[in-house]
């Protein structure tokens, strides 16, 4: 079973993908994880990606494709995987089809698209807070610190990360609409897209995600 998660920043893709990974025993594969693992293992493509990132550039599509190919070839992905954060555009989606076709004719089985209104996304992301002391994460609505200001673990004053500020969040959502949202049409035309209401609490969304996968 090979699943692709689509959705804007703050939709909860990572949280729900992790739950699916636990339930079905297949790895959650994110772009960030792939990059960190390849760099740590000092693979050829990992070292190339590190050089690109160290120079302040974005990792190009060809290098990402190699990372995906290598990751899906690992033994724990024999039974499938959950792609979280890849593909991000239609060019990457086409490349993914080619990668899977080369790998014993594997294919994407389902694309799970979490739909969340923009104002809800802005509220979710702009209310996140992080602890610079111990890296704990909080949310002013869903997981607030006891006193609203300091980390419950170590007492350090919490901060709002720059990319969680409202103006930055809206910019990120604009980038998503331009580059990633066309994937909705790409996969819908192939009959692979499942639209899922991503609003509500984590358990409510999980019930919808799991029900969709079991269909």
N, C-alpha and C. Protein backbone atom coordinates (compact mmCIF):
# COMPACT_ATOMS: atom_id res chain seq x y z
N UNK A 1 0.85 -1.19 0.00
CA UNK A 1 0.00 0.00 0.00
C UNK A 1 0.88 1.24 0.00
N UNK A 2 0.77 2.03 -1.03
CA UNK A 2 1.54 3.26 -1.13
C UNK A 2 0.58 4.44 -1.12
N UNK A 3 0.69 5.28 -0.09
CA UNK A 3 -0.20 6.40 0.09
C UNK A 3 0.57 7.70 -0.04
N UNK A 4 -0.10 8.73 -0.58
CA UNK A 4 0.45 10.08 -0.65
C UNK A 4 -0.47 10.99 0.15
N UNK A 5 0.11 11.80 1.03
CA UNK A 5 -0.66 12.79 1.79
C UNK A 5 -0.49 14.15 1.15
N UNK A 6 -1.61 14.80 0.84
CA UNK A 6 -1.60 16.17 0.35
C UNK A 6 -2.38 17.05 1.32
N UNK A 7 -2.00 18.33 1.33
CA UNK A 7 -2.71 19.28 2.17
C UNK A 7 -1.81 20.45 2.48
N UNK A 8 -2.40 21.58 2.81
CA UNK A 8 -1.61 22.79 3.08
C UNK A 8 -0.85 22.69 4.40
N UNK A 9 0.11 23.59 4.63
CA UNK A 9 0.78 23.64 5.92
C UNK A 9 -0.23 23.80 7.04
N UNK A 10 -0.09 23.00 8.09
CA UNK A 10 -1.01 23.08 9.22
C UNK A 10 -2.21 22.18 9.11
N UNK A 11 -2.32 21.42 8.01
CA UNK A 11 -3.48 20.54 7.84
C UNK A 11 -3.42 19.31 8.73
N UNK A 12 -2.23 18.97 9.22
CA UNK A 12 -2.10 17.80 10.08
C UNK A 12 -1.62 16.55 9.38
N UNK A 13 -0.99 16.72 8.22
CA UNK A 13 -0.53 15.56 7.44
C UNK A 13 0.44 14.69 8.24
N UNK A 14 1.41 15.32 8.88
CA UNK A 14 2.41 14.55 9.62
C UNK A 14 1.81 13.75 10.76
N UNK A 15 0.89 14.37 11.49
CA UNK A 15 0.25 13.69 12.62
C UNK A 15 -0.54 12.48 12.16
N UNK A 16 -1.34 12.64 11.12
CA UNK A 16 -2.17 11.54 10.64
C UNK A 16 -1.34 10.47 9.94
N UNK A 17 -0.29 10.88 9.23
CA UNK A 17 0.59 9.91 8.58
C UNK A 17 1.28 9.03 9.62
N UNK A 18 1.67 9.63 10.74
CA UNK A 18 2.33 8.86 11.81
C UNK A 18 1.37 7.81 12.39
N UNK A 19 0.11 8.16 12.53
CA UNK A 19 -0.88 7.20 13.03
C UNK A 19 -1.08 6.05 12.04
N UNK A 20 -1.16 6.39 10.76
CA UNK A 20 -1.31 5.33 9.75
C UNK A 20 -0.09 4.41 9.75
N UNK A 21 1.08 5.00 9.89
CA UNK A 21 2.31 4.21 9.91
C UNK A 21 2.29 3.20 11.05
N UNK A 22 1.85 3.63 12.21
CA UNK A 22 1.77 2.74 13.37
C UNK A 22 0.74 1.64 13.14
N UNK A 23 -0.42 2.00 12.63
CA UNK A 23 -1.49 1.01 12.47
C UNK A 23 -1.17 -0.02 11.40
N UNK A 24 -0.62 0.41 10.28
CA UNK A 24 -0.43 -0.49 9.15
C UNK A 24 1.00 -1.01 9.00
N UNK A 25 1.91 -0.56 9.87
CA UNK A 25 3.26 -1.10 9.86
C UNK A 25 4.07 -0.76 8.63
N UNK A 26 3.78 0.39 8.02
CA UNK A 26 4.58 0.84 6.88
C UNK A 26 5.18 2.20 7.23
N UNK A 27 6.35 2.53 6.70
CA UNK A 27 7.04 3.74 7.13
C UNK A 27 6.39 5.02 6.64
N UNK A 28 6.47 6.03 7.49
CA UNK A 28 6.10 7.39 7.09
C UNK A 28 7.36 8.02 6.51
N UNK A 29 7.29 8.45 5.28
CA UNK A 29 8.46 8.98 4.58
C UNK A 29 8.25 10.45 4.29
N UNK A 30 8.98 11.31 4.98
CA UNK A 30 8.89 12.74 4.74
C UNK A 30 10.18 13.23 4.10
N UNK A 31 10.07 14.33 3.38
CA UNK A 31 11.25 14.89 2.72
C UNK A 31 12.33 15.22 3.74
N UNK A 32 11.94 15.84 4.85
CA UNK A 32 12.91 16.20 5.88
C UNK A 32 13.62 14.99 6.45
N UNK A 33 12.86 13.93 6.73
CA UNK A 33 13.46 12.70 7.28
C UNK A 33 14.44 12.09 6.28
N UNK A 34 14.04 12.05 5.01
CA UNK A 34 14.91 11.47 3.99
C UNK A 34 16.23 12.23 3.91
N UNK A 35 16.15 13.55 3.94
CA UNK A 35 17.35 14.36 3.85
C UNK A 35 18.25 14.12 5.06
N UNK A 36 17.66 14.12 6.26
CA UNK A 36 18.47 13.92 7.47
C UNK A 36 19.13 12.55 7.48
N UNK A 37 18.36 11.52 7.10
CA UNK A 37 18.90 10.17 7.12
C UNK A 37 20.02 10.00 6.09
N UNK A 38 19.83 10.55 4.90
CA UNK A 38 20.84 10.41 3.85
C UNK A 38 22.11 11.17 4.21
N UNK A 39 21.95 12.35 4.80
CA UNK A 39 23.12 13.13 5.21
C UNK A 39 23.87 12.41 6.33
N UNK A 40 23.10 11.89 7.32
CA UNK A 40 23.74 11.19 8.44
C UNK A 40 24.47 9.93 7.98
N UNK A 41 23.89 9.23 6.99
CA UNK A 41 24.51 8.00 6.48
C UNK A 41 25.66 8.29 5.51
N UNK A 42 25.81 9.56 5.14
CA UNK A 42 26.86 9.99 4.21
C UNK A 42 26.81 9.22 2.89
N UNK A 43 25.58 8.98 2.41
CA UNK A 43 25.44 8.37 1.09
C UNK A 43 25.85 9.40 0.03
N UNK A 44 26.04 8.93 -1.18
CA UNK A 44 26.45 9.85 -2.26
C UNK A 44 25.42 10.96 -2.44
N UNK A 45 24.14 10.57 -2.52
CA UNK A 45 23.11 11.58 -2.72
C UNK A 45 22.94 12.44 -1.47
N UNK A 46 23.17 11.85 -0.29
CA UNK A 46 23.08 12.61 0.95
C UNK A 46 24.15 13.69 1.03
N UNK A 47 25.36 13.35 0.64
CA UNK A 47 26.45 14.34 0.64
C UNK A 47 26.19 15.44 -0.38
N UNK A 48 25.60 15.07 -1.52
CA UNK A 48 25.27 16.07 -2.52
C UNK A 48 24.19 17.03 -1.99
N UNK A 49 23.18 16.43 -1.34
CA UNK A 49 22.11 17.26 -0.77
C UNK A 49 22.66 18.19 0.31
N UNK A 50 23.58 17.67 1.13
CA UNK A 50 24.17 18.50 2.19
C UNK A 50 24.93 19.68 1.60
N UNK A 51 25.66 19.42 0.53
CA UNK A 51 26.40 20.50 -0.12
C UNK A 51 25.45 21.58 -0.62
N UNK A 52 24.33 21.15 -1.19
CA UNK A 52 23.35 22.10 -1.71
C UNK A 52 22.76 22.92 -0.57
N UNK A 53 22.37 22.24 0.52
CA UNK A 53 21.75 22.94 1.65
C UNK A 53 22.75 23.86 2.34
N UNK A 54 24.00 23.42 2.45
CA UNK A 54 25.02 24.25 3.10
C UNK A 54 25.27 25.54 2.32
N UNK A 55 25.00 25.50 1.02
CA UNK A 55 25.19 26.70 0.21
C UNK A 55 23.98 27.62 0.25
N UNK A 56 22.95 27.21 1.01
CA UNK A 56 21.76 28.02 1.17
C UNK A 56 20.72 27.85 0.08
N UNK A 57 20.89 26.82 -0.76
CA UNK A 57 19.94 26.60 -1.85
C UNK A 57 18.94 25.51 -1.49
N UNK A 58 17.84 25.47 -2.24
CA UNK A 58 16.86 24.41 -2.08
C UNK A 58 17.32 23.16 -2.84
N UNK A 59 17.07 22.00 -2.26
CA UNK A 59 17.44 20.75 -2.92
C UNK A 59 16.60 20.60 -4.18
N UNK A 60 17.26 20.34 -5.30
CA UNK A 60 16.58 20.28 -6.59
C UNK A 60 15.76 19.00 -6.74
N UNK A 61 14.86 19.00 -7.73
CA UNK A 61 13.95 17.88 -7.94
C UNK A 61 14.69 16.58 -8.25
N UNK A 62 15.76 16.64 -9.02
CA UNK A 62 16.50 15.42 -9.38
C UNK A 62 17.11 14.76 -8.14
N UNK A 63 17.67 15.58 -7.25
CA UNK A 63 18.26 15.03 -6.03
C UNK A 63 17.18 14.46 -5.11
N UNK A 64 16.06 15.16 -5.00
CA UNK A 64 14.95 14.63 -4.21
C UNK A 64 14.46 13.30 -4.77
N UNK A 65 14.40 13.20 -6.08
CA UNK A 65 13.94 11.96 -6.71
C UNK A 65 14.87 10.80 -6.35
N UNK A 66 16.17 11.06 -6.34
CA UNK A 66 17.11 10.02 -5.95
C UNK A 66 16.91 9.60 -4.50
N UNK A 67 16.66 10.57 -3.64
CA UNK A 67 16.40 10.26 -2.23
C UNK A 67 15.16 9.38 -2.09
N UNK A 68 14.10 9.74 -2.82
CA UNK A 68 12.86 8.96 -2.76
C UNK A 68 13.10 7.55 -3.29
N UNK A 69 13.81 7.44 -4.40
CA UNK A 69 14.09 6.13 -4.98
C UNK A 69 14.86 5.24 -3.98
N UNK A 70 15.88 5.83 -3.37
CA UNK A 70 16.69 5.08 -2.40
C UNK A 70 15.87 4.68 -1.18
N UNK A 71 15.02 5.61 -0.71
CA UNK A 71 14.23 5.32 0.50
C UNK A 71 13.21 4.22 0.26
N UNK A 72 12.54 4.28 -0.88
CA UNK A 72 11.51 3.27 -1.17
C UNK A 72 12.11 1.90 -1.48
N UNK A 73 13.41 1.86 -1.76
CA UNK A 73 14.09 0.59 -2.02
C UNK A 73 14.53 -0.11 -0.74
N UNK A 74 14.40 0.58 0.41
CA UNK A 74 14.79 -0.03 1.67
C UNK A 74 13.78 -1.10 2.10
N UNK A 75 14.27 -2.06 2.86
CA UNK A 75 13.48 -3.24 3.19
C UNK A 75 12.17 -2.91 3.91
N UNK A 76 12.18 -1.89 4.78
CA UNK A 76 10.97 -1.60 5.55
C UNK A 76 9.85 -1.03 4.69
N UNK A 77 10.18 -0.64 3.45
CA UNK A 77 9.16 -0.11 2.54
C UNK A 77 8.67 -1.15 1.54
N UNK A 78 9.08 -2.41 1.73
CA UNK A 78 8.64 -3.46 0.80
C UNK A 78 7.12 -3.58 0.77
N UNK A 79 6.49 -3.38 1.94
CA UNK A 79 5.04 -3.51 2.01
C UNK A 79 4.30 -2.21 1.74
N UNK A 80 5.04 -1.16 1.44
CA UNK A 80 4.41 0.11 1.15
C UNK A 80 5.02 1.24 1.97
N UNK A 81 4.47 2.42 1.81
CA UNK A 81 4.96 3.60 2.52
C UNK A 81 3.90 4.69 2.47
N UNK A 82 4.09 5.67 3.32
CA UNK A 82 3.22 6.84 3.35
C UNK A 82 4.09 8.05 3.05
N UNK A 83 3.88 8.66 1.89
CA UNK A 83 4.68 9.81 1.49
C UNK A 83 4.06 11.09 2.02
N UNK A 84 4.83 11.79 2.84
CA UNK A 84 4.36 13.00 3.51
C UNK A 84 5.31 14.14 3.11
N UNK A 85 4.85 14.99 2.19
CA UNK A 85 5.69 16.10 1.74
C UNK A 85 6.31 15.88 0.38
N UNK A 86 6.04 14.76 -0.22
CA UNK A 86 6.51 14.48 -1.59
C UNK A 86 5.44 13.64 -2.27
N UNK A 87 5.05 14.00 -3.48
CA UNK A 87 5.51 15.11 -4.31
C UNK A 87 4.90 16.44 -3.89
N UNK A 88 5.57 17.54 -4.28
CA UNK A 88 5.09 18.89 -3.99
C UNK A 88 4.60 19.62 -5.24
N UNK A 89 4.81 19.05 -6.40
CA UNK A 89 4.35 19.66 -7.63
C UNK A 89 4.12 18.56 -8.67
N UNK A 90 3.51 18.93 -9.78
CA UNK A 90 3.16 17.90 -10.76
C UNK A 90 4.39 17.28 -11.42
N UNK A 91 5.47 18.05 -11.54
CA UNK A 91 6.69 17.47 -12.10
C UNK A 91 7.22 16.36 -11.19
N UNK A 92 7.19 16.59 -9.89
CA UNK A 92 7.63 15.56 -8.94
C UNK A 92 6.68 14.37 -8.97
N UNK A 93 5.40 14.62 -9.15
CA UNK A 93 4.42 13.52 -9.21
C UNK A 93 4.69 12.63 -10.42
N UNK A 94 5.02 13.23 -11.53
CA UNK A 94 5.35 12.46 -12.73
C UNK A 94 6.61 11.65 -12.51
N UNK A 95 7.60 12.26 -11.86
CA UNK A 95 8.84 11.54 -11.55
C UNK A 95 8.56 10.38 -10.60
N UNK A 96 7.67 10.59 -9.63
CA UNK A 96 7.32 9.51 -8.70
C UNK A 96 6.73 8.33 -9.46
N UNK A 97 5.86 8.60 -10.41
CA UNK A 97 5.30 7.51 -11.23
C UNK A 97 6.41 6.72 -11.92
N UNK A 98 7.41 7.43 -12.42
CA UNK A 98 8.53 6.77 -13.11
C UNK A 98 9.35 5.93 -12.13
N UNK A 99 9.58 6.47 -10.93
CA UNK A 99 10.33 5.72 -9.91
C UNK A 99 9.60 4.43 -9.57
N UNK A 100 8.29 4.53 -9.37
CA UNK A 100 7.51 3.36 -8.98
C UNK A 100 7.42 2.35 -10.12
N UNK A 101 7.31 2.85 -11.35
CA UNK A 101 7.25 1.95 -12.50
C UNK A 101 8.53 1.16 -12.64
N UNK A 102 9.64 1.78 -12.31
CA UNK A 102 10.94 1.09 -12.38
C UNK A 102 11.10 0.06 -11.26
N UNK A 103 10.34 0.25 -10.18
CA UNK A 103 10.48 -0.62 -9.01
C UNK A 103 9.39 -1.69 -9.02
N UNK A 104 9.54 -2.66 -9.91
CA UNK A 104 8.59 -3.79 -9.98
C UNK A 104 7.15 -3.33 -10.18
N UNK A 105 7.00 -2.28 -10.99
CA UNK A 105 5.65 -1.79 -11.35
C UNK A 105 4.81 -1.42 -10.14
N UNK A 106 5.41 -0.85 -9.10
CA UNK A 106 4.63 -0.33 -7.98
C UNK A 106 3.89 0.92 -8.44
N UNK A 107 2.88 1.32 -7.67
CA UNK A 107 2.13 2.51 -8.04
C UNK A 107 1.53 3.15 -6.80
N UNK A 108 1.12 4.39 -6.92
CA UNK A 108 0.39 5.06 -5.85
C UNK A 108 -1.00 4.46 -5.77
N UNK A 109 -1.39 4.01 -4.57
CA UNK A 109 -2.70 3.39 -4.40
C UNK A 109 -3.79 4.41 -4.05
N UNK A 110 -3.43 5.41 -3.25
CA UNK A 110 -4.44 6.39 -2.82
C UNK A 110 -3.75 7.69 -2.45
N UNK A 111 -4.41 8.79 -2.74
CA UNK A 111 -3.90 10.11 -2.37
C UNK A 111 -4.91 10.72 -1.41
N UNK A 112 -4.48 11.01 -0.20
CA UNK A 112 -5.34 11.54 0.85
C UNK A 112 -5.15 13.05 0.93
N UNK A 113 -6.19 13.79 0.61
CA UNK A 113 -6.13 15.25 0.57
C UNK A 113 -6.90 15.82 1.75
N UNK A 114 -6.17 16.39 2.71
CA UNK A 114 -6.79 16.99 3.89
C UNK A 114 -7.19 18.43 3.56
N UNK A 115 -8.48 18.69 3.61
CA UNK A 115 -9.00 20.02 3.29
C UNK A 115 -9.29 20.79 4.58
N UNK A 116 -8.70 21.97 4.67
CA UNK A 116 -8.87 22.83 5.84
C UNK A 116 -8.96 24.28 5.36
N UNK A 117 -9.92 25.03 5.88
CA UNK A 117 -10.09 26.43 5.48
C UNK A 117 -8.87 27.26 5.88
N UNK A 118 -8.56 28.28 5.07
CA UNK A 118 -7.35 29.07 5.31
C UNK A 118 -7.36 29.72 6.68
N UNK A 119 -8.48 30.29 7.11
CA UNK A 119 -8.51 30.95 8.43
C UNK A 119 -8.23 29.96 9.55
N UNK A 120 -8.68 28.72 9.39
CA UNK A 120 -8.41 27.69 10.39
C UNK A 120 -6.92 27.37 10.42
N UNK A 121 -6.31 27.28 9.24
CA UNK A 121 -4.88 26.99 9.15
C UNK A 121 -4.07 28.10 9.80
N UNK A 122 -4.44 29.35 9.52
CA UNK A 122 -3.71 30.48 10.10
C UNK A 122 -3.82 30.44 11.62
N UNK A 123 -5.01 30.13 12.12
CA UNK A 123 -5.21 30.05 13.56
C UNK A 123 -4.36 28.93 14.17
N UNK A 124 -4.35 27.77 13.51
CA UNK A 124 -3.56 26.64 14.01
C UNK A 124 -2.07 26.98 14.09
N UNK A 125 -1.55 27.53 12.99
CA UNK A 125 -0.11 27.74 12.90
C UNK A 125 0.36 28.95 13.71
N UNK A 126 -0.41 30.02 13.71
CA UNK A 126 0.02 31.23 14.40
C UNK A 126 -0.06 31.11 15.91
N UNK A 127 -0.76 30.11 16.40
CA UNK A 127 -0.86 29.90 17.85
C UNK A 127 0.13 28.85 18.37
N UNK A 128 0.99 28.36 17.49
CA UNK A 128 2.02 27.42 17.94
C UNK A 128 3.11 28.18 18.69
N UNK A 129 3.65 27.57 19.73
CA UNK A 129 4.75 28.13 20.48
C UNK A 129 5.80 27.04 20.73
N UNK A 130 7.05 27.47 20.76
CA UNK A 130 8.16 26.51 20.92
C UNK A 130 9.04 26.93 22.08
N UNK A 131 9.66 25.93 22.70
CA UNK A 131 10.58 26.20 23.79
C UNK A 131 12.01 26.18 23.25
N UNK A 132 12.72 27.30 23.36
CA UNK A 132 14.11 27.32 22.88
C UNK A 132 15.05 26.57 23.82
N UNK A 133 14.55 26.21 25.01
CA UNK A 133 15.40 25.50 25.97
C UNK A 133 15.45 24.00 25.74
N UNK A 134 14.26 23.36 25.61
CA UNK A 134 14.23 21.90 25.49
C UNK A 134 13.53 21.43 24.22
N UNK A 135 13.13 22.38 23.36
CA UNK A 135 12.49 22.07 22.07
C UNK A 135 11.08 21.50 22.19
N UNK A 136 10.47 21.63 23.36
CA UNK A 136 9.07 21.19 23.50
C UNK A 136 8.17 22.12 22.68
N UNK A 137 7.05 21.58 22.24
CA UNK A 137 6.11 22.36 21.43
C UNK A 137 4.76 22.48 22.13
N UNK A 138 4.15 23.65 22.00
CA UNK A 138 2.85 23.91 22.61
C UNK A 138 1.95 24.60 21.59
N UNK A 139 0.66 24.64 21.94
CA UNK A 139 -0.31 25.36 21.12
C UNK A 139 -1.24 26.09 22.07
N UNK A 140 -1.41 27.37 21.84
CA UNK A 140 -2.18 28.18 22.79
C UNK A 140 -3.62 27.74 22.92
N UNK A 141 -4.15 27.01 21.94
CA UNK A 141 -5.52 26.52 22.04
C UNK A 141 -5.59 25.04 22.39
N UNK A 142 -4.83 24.20 21.68
CA UNK A 142 -4.97 22.76 21.82
C UNK A 142 -4.05 22.14 22.88
N UNK A 143 -2.92 22.77 23.13
CA UNK A 143 -1.97 22.22 24.11
C UNK A 143 -1.24 23.38 24.79
N UNK A 144 -1.99 24.20 25.54
CA UNK A 144 -1.39 25.42 26.10
C UNK A 144 -0.47 25.15 27.29
N UNK A 145 0.57 25.96 27.45
CA UNK A 145 1.40 25.87 28.65
C UNK A 145 0.57 26.29 29.86
N UNK A 146 0.93 25.78 31.02
CA UNK A 146 0.11 26.01 32.22
C UNK A 146 -0.11 27.49 32.51
N UNK A 147 0.94 28.30 32.37
CA UNK A 147 0.79 29.73 32.68
C UNK A 147 0.65 30.59 31.43
N UNK A 148 0.58 29.92 30.25
CA UNK A 148 0.40 30.64 29.01
C UNK A 148 1.66 31.26 28.44
N UNK A 149 2.77 31.16 29.17
CA UNK A 149 3.99 31.87 28.75
C UNK A 149 5.23 30.98 28.78
N UNK A 150 5.34 30.13 29.81
CA UNK A 150 6.58 29.38 30.03
C UNK A 150 6.40 27.89 29.76
N UNK A 151 7.51 27.25 29.40
CA UNK A 151 7.51 25.82 29.13
C UNK A 151 7.21 25.02 30.39
N UNK A 152 6.30 24.06 30.30
CA UNK A 152 5.96 23.23 31.45
C UNK A 152 7.10 22.27 31.81
N UNK A 153 7.98 21.99 30.86
CA UNK A 153 9.08 21.06 31.12
C UNK A 153 10.25 21.72 31.84
N UNK A 154 10.69 22.87 31.27
CA UNK A 154 11.94 23.45 31.80
C UNK A 154 11.80 24.89 32.27
N UNK A 155 10.64 25.49 32.08
CA UNK A 155 10.41 26.83 32.59
C UNK A 155 10.89 27.96 31.70
N UNK A 156 11.47 27.63 30.55
CA UNK A 156 11.96 28.66 29.64
C UNK A 156 10.78 29.40 29.00
N UNK A 157 10.94 30.70 28.77
CA UNK A 157 9.88 31.45 28.11
C UNK A 157 9.73 30.98 26.67
N UNK A 158 8.51 30.73 26.27
CA UNK A 158 8.24 30.21 24.94
C UNK A 158 8.36 31.31 23.88
N UNK A 159 8.63 30.87 22.65
CA UNK A 159 8.73 31.81 21.54
C UNK A 159 7.79 31.39 20.42
N UNK A 160 7.52 32.34 19.55
CA UNK A 160 6.79 32.04 18.31
C UNK A 160 7.82 32.02 17.19
N UNK A 161 7.94 30.87 16.51
CA UNK A 161 8.89 30.79 15.41
C UNK A 161 8.50 31.77 14.31
N UNK A 162 9.51 32.26 13.60
CA UNK A 162 9.28 33.25 12.56
C UNK A 162 8.29 32.75 11.52
N UNK A 163 8.40 31.46 11.13
CA UNK A 163 7.51 30.96 10.07
C UNK A 163 6.12 30.63 10.58
N UNK A 164 5.85 30.88 11.89
CA UNK A 164 4.50 30.71 12.42
C UNK A 164 3.78 32.05 12.60
N UNK A 165 4.45 33.14 12.26
CA UNK A 165 3.78 34.45 12.34
C UNK A 165 2.74 34.56 11.23
N UNK A 166 1.63 35.26 11.51
CA UNK A 166 0.48 35.24 10.60
C UNK A 166 0.86 35.65 9.17
N UNK A 167 1.63 36.71 9.01
CA UNK A 167 1.97 37.17 7.67
C UNK A 167 2.77 36.12 6.92
N UNK A 168 3.69 35.47 7.63
CA UNK A 168 4.51 34.43 7.01
C UNK A 168 3.66 33.22 6.67
N UNK A 169 2.73 32.88 7.57
CA UNK A 169 1.84 31.74 7.33
C UNK A 169 1.03 31.97 6.06
N UNK A 170 0.49 33.17 5.89
CA UNK A 170 -0.31 33.45 4.69
C UNK A 170 0.55 33.40 3.43
N UNK A 171 1.80 33.81 3.53
CA UNK A 171 2.71 33.70 2.39
C UNK A 171 2.96 32.23 2.05
N UNK A 172 3.17 31.40 3.08
CA UNK A 172 3.40 29.98 2.86
C UNK A 172 2.19 29.33 2.20
N UNK A 173 1.00 29.74 2.61
CA UNK A 173 -0.21 29.18 2.01
C UNK A 173 -0.34 29.61 0.55
N UNK A 174 0.13 30.81 0.23
CA UNK A 174 0.12 31.25 -1.15
C UNK A 174 1.04 30.42 -2.02
N UNK A 175 2.23 30.11 -1.49
CA UNK A 175 3.17 29.25 -2.21
C UNK A 175 2.57 27.87 -2.42
N UNK A 176 1.90 27.36 -1.38
CA UNK A 176 1.25 26.05 -1.48
C UNK A 176 0.21 26.05 -2.61
N UNK A 177 -0.62 27.07 -2.64
CA UNK A 177 -1.67 27.11 -3.66
C UNK A 177 -1.07 27.10 -5.07
N UNK A 178 0.02 27.84 -5.23
CA UNK A 178 0.61 27.95 -6.57
C UNK A 178 1.31 26.67 -7.02
N UNK A 179 2.00 26.01 -6.10
CA UNK A 179 2.85 24.87 -6.52
C UNK A 179 2.25 23.50 -6.23
N UNK A 180 1.62 23.36 -5.08
CA UNK A 180 1.18 22.03 -4.64
C UNK A 180 -0.28 21.76 -4.97
N UNK A 181 -1.13 22.77 -4.91
CA UNK A 181 -2.55 22.55 -5.13
C UNK A 181 -2.87 21.95 -6.50
N UNK A 182 -2.11 22.25 -7.56
CA UNK A 182 -2.39 21.61 -8.85
C UNK A 182 -2.31 20.08 -8.79
N UNK A 183 -1.66 19.56 -7.77
CA UNK A 183 -1.61 18.10 -7.62
C UNK A 183 -3.00 17.52 -7.35
N UNK A 184 -3.89 18.33 -6.79
CA UNK A 184 -5.25 17.86 -6.53
C UNK A 184 -5.90 17.45 -7.85
N UNK A 185 -5.77 18.31 -8.87
CA UNK A 185 -6.33 17.97 -10.19
C UNK A 185 -5.57 16.80 -10.81
N UNK A 186 -4.26 16.79 -10.67
CA UNK A 186 -3.41 15.74 -11.23
C UNK A 186 -3.89 14.36 -10.77
N UNK A 187 -4.09 14.22 -9.46
CA UNK A 187 -4.47 12.91 -8.93
C UNK A 187 -5.97 12.65 -9.04
N UNK A 188 -6.77 13.72 -9.05
CA UNK A 188 -8.21 13.54 -9.23
C UNK A 188 -8.51 12.98 -10.61
N UNK A 189 -7.81 13.48 -11.61
CA UNK A 189 -8.01 12.99 -12.98
C UNK A 189 -7.66 11.51 -13.12
N UNK A 190 -6.81 11.02 -12.23
CA UNK A 190 -6.41 9.61 -12.25
C UNK A 190 -7.26 8.74 -11.35
N UNK A 191 -8.27 9.34 -10.72
CA UNK A 191 -9.17 8.60 -9.86
C UNK A 191 -8.55 8.14 -8.56
N UNK A 192 -7.48 8.82 -8.13
CA UNK A 192 -6.76 8.39 -6.92
C UNK A 192 -7.04 9.27 -5.71
N UNK A 193 -7.65 10.44 -5.93
CA UNK A 193 -7.77 11.43 -4.87
C UNK A 193 -8.97 11.16 -3.96
N UNK A 194 -8.73 11.22 -2.67
CA UNK A 194 -9.80 11.14 -1.67
C UNK A 194 -9.77 12.42 -0.84
N UNK A 195 -10.84 13.19 -0.92
CA UNK A 195 -10.92 14.43 -0.14
C UNK A 195 -11.40 14.10 1.28
N UNK A 196 -10.69 14.63 2.26
CA UNK A 196 -11.00 14.35 3.66
C UNK A 196 -11.11 15.67 4.41
N UNK A 197 -12.18 15.84 5.16
CA UNK A 197 -12.35 17.03 6.00
C UNK A 197 -11.28 17.00 7.09
N UNK A 198 -10.37 17.98 7.04
CA UNK A 198 -9.27 18.01 8.01
C UNK A 198 -9.53 18.89 9.21
N UNK A 199 -10.77 19.38 9.35
CA UNK A 199 -11.09 20.25 10.49
C UNK A 199 -11.67 19.42 11.63
N UNK A 200 -11.52 19.93 12.85
CA UNK A 200 -11.93 19.18 14.04
C UNK A 200 -10.71 18.75 14.81
N UNK A 201 -10.94 17.99 15.89
CA UNK A 201 -9.79 17.57 16.69
C UNK A 201 -9.08 16.39 16.02
N UNK A 202 -7.90 16.06 16.53
CA UNK A 202 -7.04 15.06 15.90
C UNK A 202 -7.75 13.72 15.77
N UNK A 203 -8.48 13.31 16.79
CA UNK A 203 -9.15 12.00 16.75
C UNK A 203 -10.27 11.97 15.71
N UNK A 204 -11.00 13.08 15.59
CA UNK A 204 -12.07 13.15 14.59
C UNK A 204 -11.50 13.02 13.18
N UNK A 205 -10.41 13.73 12.93
CA UNK A 205 -9.78 13.65 11.61
C UNK A 205 -9.23 12.25 11.37
N UNK A 206 -8.64 11.67 12.42
CA UNK A 206 -8.10 10.31 12.28
C UNK A 206 -9.18 9.32 11.87
N UNK A 207 -10.35 9.42 12.48
CA UNK A 207 -11.45 8.51 12.13
C UNK A 207 -11.79 8.61 10.64
N UNK A 208 -11.79 9.83 10.11
CA UNK A 208 -12.09 10.02 8.69
C UNK A 208 -10.97 9.45 7.81
N UNK A 209 -9.72 9.70 8.22
CA UNK A 209 -8.58 9.22 7.44
C UNK A 209 -8.58 7.69 7.40
N UNK A 210 -8.72 7.09 8.56
CA UNK A 210 -8.67 5.62 8.64
C UNK A 210 -9.81 4.98 7.87
N UNK A 211 -11.00 5.59 7.97
CA UNK A 211 -12.16 5.05 7.24
C UNK A 211 -11.90 5.12 5.74
N UNK A 212 -11.26 6.19 5.28
CA UNK A 212 -10.97 6.34 3.85
C UNK A 212 -9.97 5.29 3.38
N UNK A 213 -8.95 5.04 4.17
CA UNK A 213 -7.95 4.04 3.80
C UNK A 213 -8.55 2.63 3.76
N UNK A 214 -9.52 2.39 4.64
CA UNK A 214 -10.12 1.04 4.71
C UNK A 214 -11.18 0.80 3.64
N UNK A 215 -11.55 1.83 2.92
CA UNK A 215 -12.60 1.67 1.88
C UNK A 215 -12.13 0.76 0.76
